[in-house]
Amino acid sequence: MPTVVRLGLLGLGTVGSGLVEIVSKSGSVIESKSGVRLEIVKALVKTKDKPRPLESDKLTFDPDEVFYHPEIDIVVEVMGGIEPAKGYILKALESGKGVVTANKAVLAQYGTEIFEQAKRHGKQLGFEASVCGGIPLIRALSSGMIANDIDDLVGILNGTSNFILTRMYKEKLSYDEALAMAQDRGFAEADPTFDVEGIDAAHKLIVLTELTFQTKATLEDLEREGITKIDPIDIHVADEFGFVIKPLAVAKRTGASLNLRVHPTLVPFEHPLGAVSDEFNAVMVRGDATGEMIFHGKGAGSLPTASAVLSDIIEIARNPTGGIIWNPAASQRFEKSEGRTRYYLRFPIEDRPGVIGRIATSLGDHGISITHALAKLDSSAGNVMIVTHEASESEVNAAMVDIAATVVLRGEPLSLRILG
C-alpha cells in the first residue's frame, strides 16, 4: 500500500499551480516510483476572482485552515517575499507540519532561525527549489558531495539576467530592448530590480554559502553589482577579446576567509559557463574528492521549480523527522577576503590629446598592467577599453577614482572582472 501524504499550499501562483499540474498529471508515475500518493487538501489564496487549478472547496483565505488542518502532513510555501512567508513557515513547523519552501530571500535572511525551529519541533524543511529551480543542486551538495571539502563555487544563478545578456549578445539589442523582451516572455517582472541588480542571485549565494561552507553571510557581506550598466559596446568588445559577459555568483575560500561576489563577468568562450544561454542556470563546484562538477538546467519557471518542490515533498514523506541538513550550530563567522583577478575597464572619454596616455599612466601608478587596449572614437568622443593583468579590487577601485578625478570623462567608467 502506498504512503498517502496530504499537502497544504501557501500560495497558488506560478509555482503552486505548477505543483498542482504535476500532481494531477503525473500522480500515478510518482506513486509507482516512490510509493507515495500525494493529495492536495487546501491552498491559501489572496483573491476569489481568478481562475484556479483546484476546486473551490480546497481554497481558503485563512492560513490557520492550512496550519491546523488535521489531515495535512506537509505545508508547501510558494508565496515569495519575506512576510508573511517567514511567519507562516515558522507557524507551520510549530504546528507539527513538515515544510517545503522555494523562498531564497527568507532563507538568506532568516535561515538559522527557521532551521532552529525545525530542529526544535523535530520536523524537516526542504528548500531544493530555493536555488536554481529544477536543478537538484541542494541535494547534490548536502548529500552527494557531503564527503568533499569544497573550496570554490561559481555559477549563473539568475535566469533573467542571463537571458538579457544573451539577447544583447546574440541579437545586438540594447539593455532596455533585451529587458522588454524578457518581460514579454515572462522571464522578468514589471519591476525587475531584484533580478537585474543581483539581489536574487545574492540571496541564493548566501543559502549556498551556509550549506557548502557552513558560514553565515549577509547581503552586506557580498560584493554585488547588477547588469544595468552593461552597454552594447561592452558586449561587442568582450567578443573581440574572446569573452562573453555572464552574470556570475562566486564563492571562493582562501584559508579561513571567503570571497563572495555577484556581478557581470567576462567569461572565456571555451569555459563551460560561457555557453549557458538565456534563462538557463549553471553552477560549477570543485570538491577535493570529486574534482570539478557542473550542474546545468532551467533555473526558474513553473514546472522546473515545482519539480524541485516535489522532490523535497517525497524526501520528507520518506523521512519525516530526520534529515536536517542546515546545522545552525556549525555556522562559522564570516571573514571577508579580497580576491585578485583580471579586469575589463571601459572609460568614456572626450577625444583630447594625452587622454589615453594619462589613463595608462594612472593604472601603472596603482600597480595595474595592461594586456590589451582598444580605443573606439567617433567625432570628438569615444571609449577606451582595457584588459588588465591580475589586480586586486582595491587597486582597481583606487585607480578608477584617480582617473575620474584627473581625466575628462563623458560618463561613469565601468570595471568588470574576468573569470580566470
Protein backbone atom coordinates (compact mmCIF):
# COMPACT_ATOMS: atom_id res chain seq x y z
CA MET A 1 0.00 0.00 0.00
CA PRO A 2 1.33 3.49 -0.83
CA THR A 3 2.02 6.09 1.83
CA VAL A 4 -0.59 8.84 1.48
CA VAL A 5 0.83 12.34 2.02
CA ARG A 6 -1.57 15.28 2.16
CA LEU A 7 -0.40 18.76 1.20
CA GLY A 8 -1.40 22.28 2.16
CA LEU A 9 -0.22 25.05 -0.17
CA LEU A 10 0.61 28.59 0.87
CA GLY A 11 0.21 30.34 -2.46
CA LEU A 12 -1.26 29.20 -5.75
CA GLY A 13 0.63 31.33 -8.24
CA THR A 14 3.16 30.20 -10.83
CA VAL A 15 4.93 27.54 -8.75
CA GLY A 16 1.87 26.44 -6.78
CA SER A 17 -0.12 25.96 -9.97
CA GLY A 18 2.80 24.06 -11.48
CA LEU A 19 2.81 21.70 -8.49
CA VAL A 20 -0.94 21.09 -8.87
CA GLU A 21 -0.38 20.31 -12.55
CA ILE A 22 2.40 17.82 -11.86
CA VAL A 23 0.47 16.05 -9.10
CA SER A 24 -2.62 15.87 -11.32
CA LYS A 25 -0.89 14.64 -14.47
CA SER A 26 1.90 12.51 -13.01
CA GLY A 27 0.48 11.30 -9.69
CA SER A 28 0.41 7.65 -10.74
CA VAL A 29 4.00 7.81 -12.02
CA ILE A 30 5.15 9.47 -8.78
CA GLU A 31 3.36 6.78 -6.76
CA SER A 32 4.85 3.90 -8.74
CA LYS A 33 8.39 5.29 -8.43
CA SER A 34 8.27 6.48 -4.82
CA GLY A 35 5.50 4.57 -3.09
CA VAL A 36 3.98 7.93 -2.11
CA ARG A 37 0.48 9.04 -3.09
CA LEU A 38 0.03 12.82 -2.98
CA GLU A 39 -3.20 14.63 -2.24
CA ILE A 40 -3.66 18.41 -2.15
CA VAL A 41 -6.08 19.27 0.65
CA LYS A 42 -6.03 23.06 0.94
CA ALA A 43 -4.44 26.05 -0.78
CA LEU A 44 -4.21 29.55 0.67
CA VAL A 45 -5.07 32.25 -1.88
CA LYS A 46 -5.45 36.03 -1.75
CA THR A 47 -8.37 36.70 -4.10
CA LYS A 48 -11.53 34.95 -5.27
CA ASP A 49 -11.87 36.32 -8.79
CA LYS A 50 -9.10 34.37 -10.53
CA PRO A 51 -9.23 31.03 -12.31
CA ARG A 52 -7.62 28.35 -10.11
CA PRO A 53 -6.41 24.83 -10.89
CA LEU A 54 -8.13 23.49 -7.72
CA GLU A 55 -11.74 23.01 -6.74
CA SER A 56 -13.26 25.92 -4.81
CA ASP A 57 -13.77 23.85 -1.65
CA LYS A 58 -9.99 23.36 -1.46
CA LEU A 59 -9.30 27.11 -1.48
CA THR A 60 -9.07 29.19 1.67
CA PHE A 61 -8.30 32.75 2.73
CA ASP A 62 -7.47 31.70 6.29
CA PRO A 63 -3.90 30.38 6.81
CA ASP A 64 -4.97 28.61 10.01
CA GLU A 65 -7.01 26.22 7.85
CA VAL A 66 -3.66 25.05 6.48
CA PHE A 67 -1.60 25.12 9.70
CA TYR A 68 -4.14 23.30 11.86
CA HIS A 69 -5.86 21.04 9.35
CA PRO A 70 -5.66 17.58 10.95
CA GLU A 71 -5.10 15.78 7.65
CA ILE A 72 -2.29 17.96 6.25
CA ASP A 73 1.19 16.43 6.64
CA ILE A 74 3.36 18.88 4.70
CA VAL A 75 2.96 22.62 4.12
CA VAL A 76 4.37 24.00 0.87
CA GLU A 77 5.26 27.72 0.96
CA VAL A 78 5.39 29.20 -2.55
CA MET A 79 4.23 32.75 -1.80
CA GLY A 80 7.56 34.55 -2.11
CA GLY A 81 8.60 37.67 -0.23
CA ILE A 82 9.68 37.96 3.39
CA GLU A 83 6.42 38.47 5.25
CA PRO A 84 4.05 36.86 5.83
CA ALA A 85 6.02 33.93 4.35
CA LYS A 86 8.58 33.79 7.18
CA GLY A 87 5.91 33.84 9.88
CA TYR A 88 3.89 31.20 8.05
CA ILE A 89 6.91 28.86 7.76
CA LEU A 90 7.63 29.18 11.49
CA LYS A 91 3.97 28.62 12.37
CA ALA A 92 3.68 25.56 10.13
CA LEU A 93 6.71 23.97 11.80
CA GLU A 94 5.35 24.84 15.24
CA SER A 95 2.04 23.18 14.37
CA GLY A 96 3.82 19.92 13.62
CA LYS A 97 3.98 20.02 9.83
CA GLY A 98 6.94 19.36 7.60
CA VAL A 99 7.63 22.35 5.35
CA VAL A 100 8.89 22.80 1.80
CA THR A 101 9.79 26.28 0.57
CA ALA A 102 11.14 27.85 -2.61
CA ASN A 103 11.84 31.13 -0.78
CA LYS A 104 15.54 32.03 -1.03
CA ALA A 105 15.01 35.55 0.37
CA VAL A 106 13.57 34.20 3.64
CA LEU A 107 16.28 31.54 3.95
CA ALA A 108 19.07 34.02 3.20
CA GLN A 109 17.94 36.35 5.97
CA TYR A 110 16.32 34.01 8.49
CA GLY A 111 17.60 30.53 7.66
CA THR A 112 19.21 29.97 11.05
CA GLU A 113 16.02 30.89 12.92
CA ILE A 114 13.87 28.72 10.67
CA PHE A 115 16.09 25.65 10.93
CA GLU A 116 16.34 26.05 14.69
CA GLN A 117 12.54 25.95 14.71
CA ALA A 118 12.55 22.81 12.53
CA LYS A 119 15.07 21.14 14.81
CA ARG A 120 13.13 22.16 17.93
CA HIS A 121 9.96 20.50 16.66
CA GLY A 122 11.67 17.53 15.02
CA LYS A 123 10.46 18.41 11.53
CA GLN A 124 12.12 18.63 8.14
CA LEU A 125 12.35 21.70 5.97
CA GLY A 126 13.09 21.18 2.29
CA PHE A 127 14.45 24.01 0.17
CA GLU A 128 15.73 22.44 -3.05
CA ALA A 129 13.65 24.84 -5.16
CA SER A 130 15.09 27.95 -3.49
CA VAL A 131 18.26 27.86 -5.63
CA CYS A 132 18.40 27.13 -9.37
CA GLY A 133 14.82 25.98 -9.78
CA GLY A 134 14.70 22.48 -11.19
CA ILE A 135 18.44 21.75 -10.87
CA PRO A 136 18.96 19.29 -7.95
CA LEU A 137 21.88 21.32 -6.60
CA ILE A 138 20.94 21.45 -2.90
CA ARG A 139 20.64 17.68 -2.64
CA ALA A 140 23.88 17.16 -4.55
CA LEU A 141 25.80 19.48 -2.20
CA SER A 142 24.20 18.21 1.02
CA SER A 143 24.25 14.50 0.17
CA GLY A 144 26.09 13.57 -2.99
CA MET A 145 29.15 15.70 -2.23
CA ILE A 146 28.95 15.58 1.57
CA ALA A 147 32.42 13.98 1.86
CA ASN A 148 34.05 16.77 -0.15
CA ASP A 149 35.93 19.78 1.10
CA ILE A 150 34.76 22.49 -1.33
CA ASP A 151 36.99 25.48 -1.98
CA ASP A 152 35.12 27.34 -4.67
CA LEU A 153 31.75 27.62 -6.33
CA VAL A 154 30.89 29.73 -9.35
CA GLY A 155 27.70 29.88 -11.34
CA ILE A 156 24.88 31.64 -13.12
CA LEU A 157 22.10 31.79 -10.52
CA ASN A 158 19.66 34.23 -12.14
CA GLY A 159 17.96 33.31 -15.41
CA THR A 160 16.51 36.78 -16.04
CA SER A 161 19.91 38.49 -16.11
CA ASN A 162 21.38 35.70 -18.20
CA PHE A 163 18.51 35.97 -20.70
CA ILE A 164 19.02 39.74 -21.06
CA LEU A 165 22.78 39.48 -21.61
CA THR A 166 22.28 36.58 -24.04
CA ARG A 167 19.84 38.58 -26.17
CA MET A 168 22.15 41.62 -26.08
CA TYR A 169 24.92 39.38 -27.41
CA LYS A 170 23.03 37.28 -29.96
CA GLU A 171 20.63 39.90 -31.32
CA LYS A 172 22.71 43.04 -30.70
CA LEU A 173 19.96 44.58 -28.57
CA SER A 174 20.31 47.40 -26.08
CA TYR A 175 19.79 46.64 -22.40
CA ASP A 176 16.32 48.22 -22.48
CA GLU A 177 15.30 46.23 -25.56
CA ALA A 178 16.50 42.95 -24.07
CA LEU A 179 14.74 43.69 -20.76
CA ALA A 180 11.47 44.35 -22.61
CA MET A 181 11.85 41.01 -24.41
CA ALA A 182 12.44 39.25 -21.06
CA GLN A 183 9.29 40.86 -19.66
CA ASP A 184 7.25 39.91 -22.73
CA ARG A 185 8.29 36.27 -22.34
CA GLY A 186 7.59 36.17 -18.62
CA PHE A 187 11.23 35.93 -17.52
CA ALA A 188 11.27 39.38 -15.86
CA GLU A 189 8.84 41.11 -13.53
CA ALA A 190 7.37 44.54 -14.26
CA ASP A 191 9.85 45.76 -11.62
CA PRO A 192 12.97 43.68 -12.41
CA THR A 193 15.19 45.22 -9.70
CA PHE A 194 15.75 42.04 -7.67
CA ASP A 195 16.97 40.21 -10.77
CA VAL A 196 18.96 42.81 -12.69
CA GLU A 197 20.65 44.32 -9.61
CA GLY A 198 21.90 40.93 -8.44
CA ILE A 199 19.78 40.73 -5.27
CA ASP A 200 18.09 37.45 -6.23
CA ALA A 201 21.44 35.82 -7.06
CA ALA A 202 22.94 37.19 -3.83
CA HIS A 203 20.17 35.58 -1.76
CA LYS A 204 20.84 32.26 -3.48
CA LEU A 205 24.59 32.59 -2.94
CA ILE A 206 24.03 33.20 0.79
CA VAL A 207 21.98 29.98 1.01
CA LEU A 208 24.70 28.05 -0.83
CA THR A 209 27.42 29.59 1.34
CA GLU A 210 25.82 28.42 4.57
CA LEU A 211 25.14 24.98 3.14
CA THR A 212 28.51 24.49 1.45
CA PHE A 213 30.94 26.38 3.69
CA GLN A 214 28.98 26.33 6.97
CA THR A 215 29.40 30.10 7.07
CA LYS A 216 26.70 32.68 7.66
CA ALA A 217 26.84 35.76 5.43
CA THR A 218 24.52 38.70 4.80
CA LEU A 219 23.77 40.88 1.79
CA GLU A 220 26.12 43.49 3.24
CA ASP A 221 28.99 40.98 3.20
CA LEU A 222 28.79 40.45 -0.56
CA GLU A 223 30.27 42.50 -3.35
CA ARG A 224 27.20 42.97 -5.55
CA GLU A 225 26.82 44.62 -8.96
CA GLY A 226 23.91 44.41 -11.37
CA ILE A 227 23.87 44.28 -15.17
CA THR A 228 22.15 47.62 -15.79
CA LYS A 229 25.40 49.43 -16.72
CA ILE A 230 26.35 46.97 -19.45
CA ASP A 231 26.37 48.71 -22.84
CA PRO A 232 26.25 47.00 -26.25
CA ILE A 233 29.81 48.20 -26.81
CA ASP A 234 30.93 46.11 -23.81
CA ILE A 235 29.24 43.04 -25.32
CA HIS A 236 30.92 43.73 -28.68
CA VAL A 237 34.41 44.39 -27.32
CA ALA A 238 34.28 41.41 -24.97
CA ASP A 239 33.51 39.31 -28.06
CA GLU A 240 36.53 40.80 -29.86
CA PHE A 241 38.73 39.91 -26.89
CA GLY A 242 37.40 36.33 -26.76
CA PHE A 243 34.85 36.65 -23.96
CA VAL A 244 31.11 36.64 -23.36
CA ILE A 245 29.58 38.58 -20.46
CA LYS A 246 27.67 36.45 -17.92
CA PRO A 247 26.03 37.28 -14.55
CA LEU A 248 28.13 35.23 -12.12
CA ALA A 249 27.92 34.44 -8.43
CA VAL A 250 31.24 33.42 -6.89
CA ALA A 251 32.20 31.92 -3.53
CA LYS A 252 35.91 31.23 -3.12
CA ARG A 253 37.63 30.13 0.06
CA THR A 254 41.13 31.28 0.98
CA GLY A 255 42.20 29.77 4.28
CA ALA A 256 39.63 30.82 6.88
CA SER A 257 38.24 33.60 4.69
CA LEU A 258 35.66 33.74 1.92
CA ASN A 259 35.37 35.97 -1.10
CA LEU A 260 31.67 36.29 -2.04
CA ARG A 261 30.64 38.22 -5.16
CA VAL A 262 27.74 38.67 -7.54
CA HIS A 263 28.48 40.65 -10.70
CA PRO A 264 28.62 40.54 -14.50
CA THR A 265 31.84 38.88 -15.59
CA LEU A 266 33.78 38.33 -18.80
CA VAL A 267 33.87 34.55 -19.33
CA PRO A 268 36.19 32.96 -21.94
CA PHE A 269 34.40 31.40 -24.91
CA GLU A 270 35.88 27.97 -24.10
CA HIS A 271 34.69 27.96 -20.47
CA PRO A 272 31.60 25.78 -19.81
CA LEU A 273 29.71 28.72 -18.30
CA GLY A 274 30.27 30.74 -21.47
CA ALA A 275 27.82 28.51 -23.35
CA VAL A 276 24.98 28.78 -20.78
CA SER A 277 22.35 30.89 -22.52
CA ASP A 278 19.00 32.59 -21.96
CA GLU A 279 17.05 31.56 -18.83
CA PHE A 280 19.30 28.60 -18.01
CA ASN A 281 21.36 28.38 -14.82
CA ALA A 282 24.60 26.51 -14.21
CA VAL A 283 26.86 26.02 -11.21
CA MET A 284 30.43 24.70 -11.13
CA VAL A 285 31.68 23.21 -7.86
CA ARG A 286 35.15 21.91 -7.12
CA GLY A 287 35.45 19.23 -4.43
CA ASP A 288 38.65 17.64 -3.21
CA ALA A 289 37.26 14.14 -3.82
CA THR A 290 35.09 14.63 -6.92
CA GLY A 291 37.08 17.30 -8.69
CA GLU A 292 35.16 19.80 -10.80
CA MET A 293 31.44 19.21 -11.37
CA ILE A 294 28.87 21.27 -13.26
CA PHE A 295 25.10 21.38 -12.74
CA HIS A 296 23.06 22.82 -15.60
CA GLY A 297 19.38 23.30 -16.31
CA LYS A 298 16.39 25.62 -16.20
CA GLY A 299 16.70 27.77 -13.12
CA ALA A 300 13.15 29.08 -12.99
CA GLY A 301 9.67 28.58 -14.34
CA SER A 302 6.51 26.91 -13.14
CA LEU A 303 7.25 23.25 -13.84
CA PRO A 304 11.04 23.13 -13.20
CA THR A 305 10.61 24.80 -9.80
CA ALA A 306 7.56 22.69 -8.95
CA SER A 307 9.61 19.59 -9.82
CA ALA A 308 12.20 20.61 -7.22
CA VAL A 309 9.44 21.25 -4.66
CA LEU A 310 8.07 17.80 -5.38
CA SER A 311 11.47 16.16 -4.76
CA ASP A 312 11.53 17.69 -1.28
CA ILE A 313 7.99 16.52 -0.59
CA ILE A 314 8.93 12.92 -1.45
CA GLU A 315 12.09 13.13 0.67
CA ILE A 316 10.14 14.37 3.70
CA ALA A 317 7.42 11.76 3.13
CA ARG A 318 10.06 9.05 3.30
CA ASN A 319 11.84 10.52 6.32
CA PRO A 320 9.51 12.96 8.12
CA THR A 321 11.56 13.62 11.27
CA GLY A 322 15.20 13.46 10.19
CA GLY A 323 17.48 14.86 7.59
CA ILE A 324 18.09 18.40 8.87
CA ILE A 325 20.87 19.46 6.54
CA TRP A 326 21.38 23.05 7.72
CA ASN A 327 23.06 22.96 11.12
CA PRO A 328 22.92 26.44 12.73
CA ALA A 329 25.36 25.43 15.48
CA ALA A 330 28.03 24.63 12.90
CA SER A 331 27.94 28.01 11.16
CA GLN A 332 31.20 29.94 11.32
CA ARG A 333 31.63 33.68 11.43
CA PHE A 334 32.06 35.22 8.00
CA GLU A 335 35.53 36.60 7.31
CA LYS A 336 35.87 38.53 4.10
CA SER A 337 38.85 38.13 1.81
CA GLU A 338 39.85 40.17 -1.23
CA GLY A 339 40.47 38.26 -4.42
CA ARG A 340 42.71 39.05 -7.37
CA THR A 341 41.56 38.73 -10.95
CA ARG A 342 41.96 40.26 -14.39
CA TYR A 343 39.71 43.18 -15.25
CA TYR A 344 37.98 44.72 -18.24
CA LEU A 345 37.82 48.53 -17.94
CA ARG A 346 35.91 50.99 -20.09
CA PHE A 347 36.40 54.75 -20.00
CA PRO A 348 34.01 57.03 -21.94
CA ILE A 349 36.36 59.83 -22.96
CA GLU A 350 36.47 63.18 -24.67
CA ASP A 351 38.97 62.89 -27.53
CA ARG A 352 41.67 65.22 -26.24
CA PRO A 353 45.46 64.94 -26.53
CA GLY A 354 47.12 62.71 -23.94
CA VAL A 355 43.91 61.21 -22.50
CA ILE A 356 44.79 57.59 -23.28
CA GLY A 357 48.33 58.07 -22.01
CA ARG A 358 47.09 59.53 -18.72
CA ILE A 359 44.77 56.57 -18.22
CA ALA A 360 47.60 54.10 -18.80
CA THR A 361 49.94 56.04 -16.51
CA SER A 362 47.39 56.14 -13.70
CA LEU A 363 46.81 52.41 -13.95
CA GLY A 364 50.56 51.84 -13.79
CA ASP A 365 50.86 54.10 -10.75
CA HIS A 366 48.47 51.75 -8.96
CA GLY A 367 50.39 48.64 -9.96
CA ILE A 368 47.98 47.60 -12.73
CA SER A 369 49.50 46.40 -16.01
CA ILE A 370 47.66 46.17 -19.35
CA THR A 371 47.38 43.14 -21.64
CA HIS A 372 45.03 44.55 -24.30
CA ALA A 373 43.79 48.03 -25.15
CA LEU A 374 41.33 49.29 -27.72
CA ALA A 375 40.09 52.80 -28.48
CA LYS A 376 36.90 53.46 -30.43
CA LEU A 377 36.44 57.13 -31.30
CA ASP A 378 33.52 58.80 -33.04
CA SER A 379 33.94 62.51 -33.88
CA SER A 380 35.33 64.07 -30.69
CA ALA A 381 34.27 61.36 -28.25
CA GLY A 382 34.55 57.62 -27.75
CA ASN A 383 35.56 54.85 -25.41
CA VAL A 384 38.85 53.35 -24.28
CA MET A 385 38.61 49.65 -23.40
CA ILE A 386 41.40 47.93 -21.48
CA VAL A 387 42.06 44.37 -20.28
CA THR A 388 44.46 44.13 -17.35
CA HIS A 389 46.68 41.54 -15.76
CA GLU A 390 45.59 40.30 -12.32
CA ALA A 391 44.90 43.06 -9.82
CA SER A 392 43.10 43.40 -6.52
CA GLU A 393 39.74 45.07 -6.19
CA SER A 394 41.19 47.82 -4.00
CA GLU A 395 43.89 48.61 -6.57
CA VAL A 396 41.35 48.84 -9.39
CA ASN A 397 38.92 50.95 -7.35
CA ALA A 398 41.67 53.39 -6.37
CA ALA A 399 42.81 53.70 -9.99
CA MET A 400 39.25 54.31 -11.23
CA VAL A 401 38.76 57.10 -8.69
CA ASP A 402 42.10 58.66 -9.64
CA ILE A 403 41.32 58.52 -13.37
CA ALA A 404 37.86 60.00 -12.89
CA ALA A 405 39.43 62.89 -10.99
CA THR A 406 42.23 63.66 -13.44
CA VAL A 407 40.86 62.74 -16.89
CA VAL A 408 37.90 64.35 -18.64
CA LEU A 409 35.30 61.59 -18.96
CA ARG A 410 31.88 61.76 -20.62
CA GLY A 411 30.30 59.44 -18.10
CA GLU A 412 30.93 56.87 -15.40
CA PRO A 413 33.74 54.38 -16.12
CA LEU A 414 32.99 50.66 -15.96
CA SER A 415 35.04 47.83 -14.44
CA LEU A 416 34.17 44.16 -14.91
CA ARG A 417 36.04 41.15 -13.61
CA ILE A 418 37.31 38.43 -15.92
CA LEU A 419 36.85 34.78 -14.94
CA GLY A 420 40.32 33.28 -14.62
